[in-house]
Amino acid sequence: MRRLIVATLACSTIASSARADGPRYRLSNGVIDVTTDAGTEQIIIDCKRAYALAQSGAHLFVACGEEGVASYSIEDPATPVLSGRDARAGAFRGADLIE
């Protein structure tokens, strides 16, 4: 089972996440860019500022600073859907997945 480790980093580097067998996901100006063979769609992120993006299985996780972490289901890989939020205290600005 994978766990999401969210670090409180001072920098605001935005990470990309890609799938070898389907759409590619990238953070860009407050949206998730979903790139497929048909083109690029943009999904508006449900947080004031997005800092990092990580993928684990059928979920994308967005580090949203003071607002916590937003989870998006990618059961339909071309259409991420907000599936939850973890708003624990802290400033989440980075995301890394570990086994």
Protein backbone atom coordinates (compact mmCIF):
# COMPACT_ATOMS: atom_id res chain seq x y z
CA MET A 1 0.00 0.00 0.00
CA ARG A 2 1.27 3.46 -0.83
CA ARG A 3 1.14 6.37 1.58
CA LEU A 4 1.19 10.04 0.72
CA ILE A 5 3.80 11.99 2.61
CA VAL A 6 3.23 15.72 2.45
CA ALA A 7 6.16 17.88 3.48
CA THR A 8 6.09 21.47 4.60
CA LEU A 9 8.66 22.87 2.20
CA ALA A 10 9.66 26.53 2.06
CA CYS A 11 9.81 26.56 -1.72
CA SER A 12 6.83 26.61 -4.03
CA THR A 13 8.18 24.26 -6.69
CA ILE A 14 5.38 22.69 -8.69
CA ALA A 15 5.87 19.03 -9.45
CA SER A 16 4.45 17.14 -12.41
CA SER A 17 3.05 13.66 -12.46
CA ALA A 18 2.73 11.44 -15.52
CA ARG A 19 1.26 8.08 -16.40
CA ALA A 20 3.03 5.89 -18.91
CA ASP A 21 -0.23 4.19 -19.99
CA GLY A 22 -2.65 7.10 -20.20
CA PRO A 23 -3.14 10.81 -19.62
CA ARG A 24 -0.38 13.03 -18.29
CA TYR A 25 -1.16 15.39 -15.40
CA ARG A 26 0.54 18.70 -14.62
CA LEU A 27 -0.16 21.69 -12.38
CA SER A 28 -0.37 24.96 -14.25
CA ASN A 29 -1.70 28.30 -12.95
CA GLY A 30 -4.33 26.88 -10.59
CA VAL A 31 -5.51 24.04 -12.81
CA ILE A 32 -4.62 20.43 -13.50
CA ASP A 33 -3.70 20.05 -17.16
CA VAL A 34 -4.85 16.62 -18.39
CA THR A 35 -3.10 15.76 -21.65
CA THR A 36 -4.34 12.87 -23.78
CA ASP A 37 -4.00 11.95 -27.44
CA ALA A 38 -7.10 14.10 -28.06
CA GLY A 39 -5.56 17.24 -26.57
CA THR A 40 -5.37 19.03 -23.22
CA GLU A 41 -8.26 19.68 -20.84
CA GLN A 42 -8.02 21.86 -17.73
CA ILE A 43 -9.57 20.94 -14.37
CA ILE A 44 -9.95 23.83 -11.92
CA ILE A 45 -8.34 23.04 -8.55
CA ASP A 46 -10.43 23.43 -5.41
CA CYS A 47 -7.89 25.47 -3.42
CA LYS A 48 -6.62 29.05 -3.42
CA ARG A 49 -3.08 28.06 -4.39
CA ALA A 50 -1.69 24.73 -5.55
CA TYR A 51 1.94 23.90 -4.78
CA ALA A 52 2.55 20.30 -5.88
CA LEU A 53 0.91 17.32 -7.55
CA ALA A 54 1.45 13.61 -6.86
CA GLN A 55 -0.26 10.52 -8.24
CA SER A 56 -0.94 7.22 -6.50
CA GLY A 57 -3.02 4.61 -8.27
CA ALA A 58 -6.40 6.10 -9.11
CA HIS A 59 -5.85 9.35 -7.18
CA LEU A 60 -4.10 12.66 -7.66
CA PHE A 61 -3.09 14.65 -4.58
CA VAL A 62 -2.65 18.43 -4.67
CA ALA A 63 -0.74 20.22 -1.89
CA CYS A 64 -2.82 23.35 -1.16
CA GLY A 65 -0.69 25.22 1.40
CA GLU A 66 -2.70 26.29 4.47
CA GLU A 67 -5.81 24.56 3.05
CA GLY A 68 -4.27 21.08 3.32
CA VAL A 69 -4.35 18.43 0.60
CA ALA A 70 -7.05 17.92 -2.04
CA SER A 71 -7.61 14.42 -3.42
CA TYR A 72 -8.92 13.86 -6.95
CA SER A 73 -10.23 10.53 -8.22
CA ILE A 74 -8.96 9.53 -11.65
CA GLU A 75 -11.14 6.43 -12.03
CA ASP A 76 -11.93 8.08 -15.36
CA PRO A 77 -8.31 9.08 -16.13
CA ALA A 78 -9.25 11.90 -18.51
CA THR A 79 -11.56 13.59 -15.97
CA PRO A 80 -10.20 14.09 -12.41
CA VAL A 81 -12.99 14.63 -9.85
CA LEU A 82 -12.53 16.09 -6.35
CA SER A 83 -12.98 13.17 -3.95
CA GLY A 84 -11.79 14.56 -0.62
CA ARG A 85 -9.74 17.00 1.38
CA ASP A 86 -7.43 16.68 4.38
CA ALA A 87 -7.17 20.07 6.08
CA ARG A 88 -4.85 19.26 8.98
CA ALA A 89 -2.92 22.13 10.54
CA GLY A 90 0.18 23.10 8.62
CA ALA A 91 1.29 24.51 5.31
CA PHE A 92 1.42 21.76 2.68
CA ARG A 93 3.60 22.88 -0.21
CA GLY A 94 5.18 19.65 -1.42
CA ALA A 95 4.09 16.08 -2.04
CA ASP A 96 6.07 12.88 -2.37
CA LEU A 97 4.86 9.29 -2.52
CA ILE A 98 6.75 6.55 -0.76
CA GLU A 99 6.19 2.82 -0.66
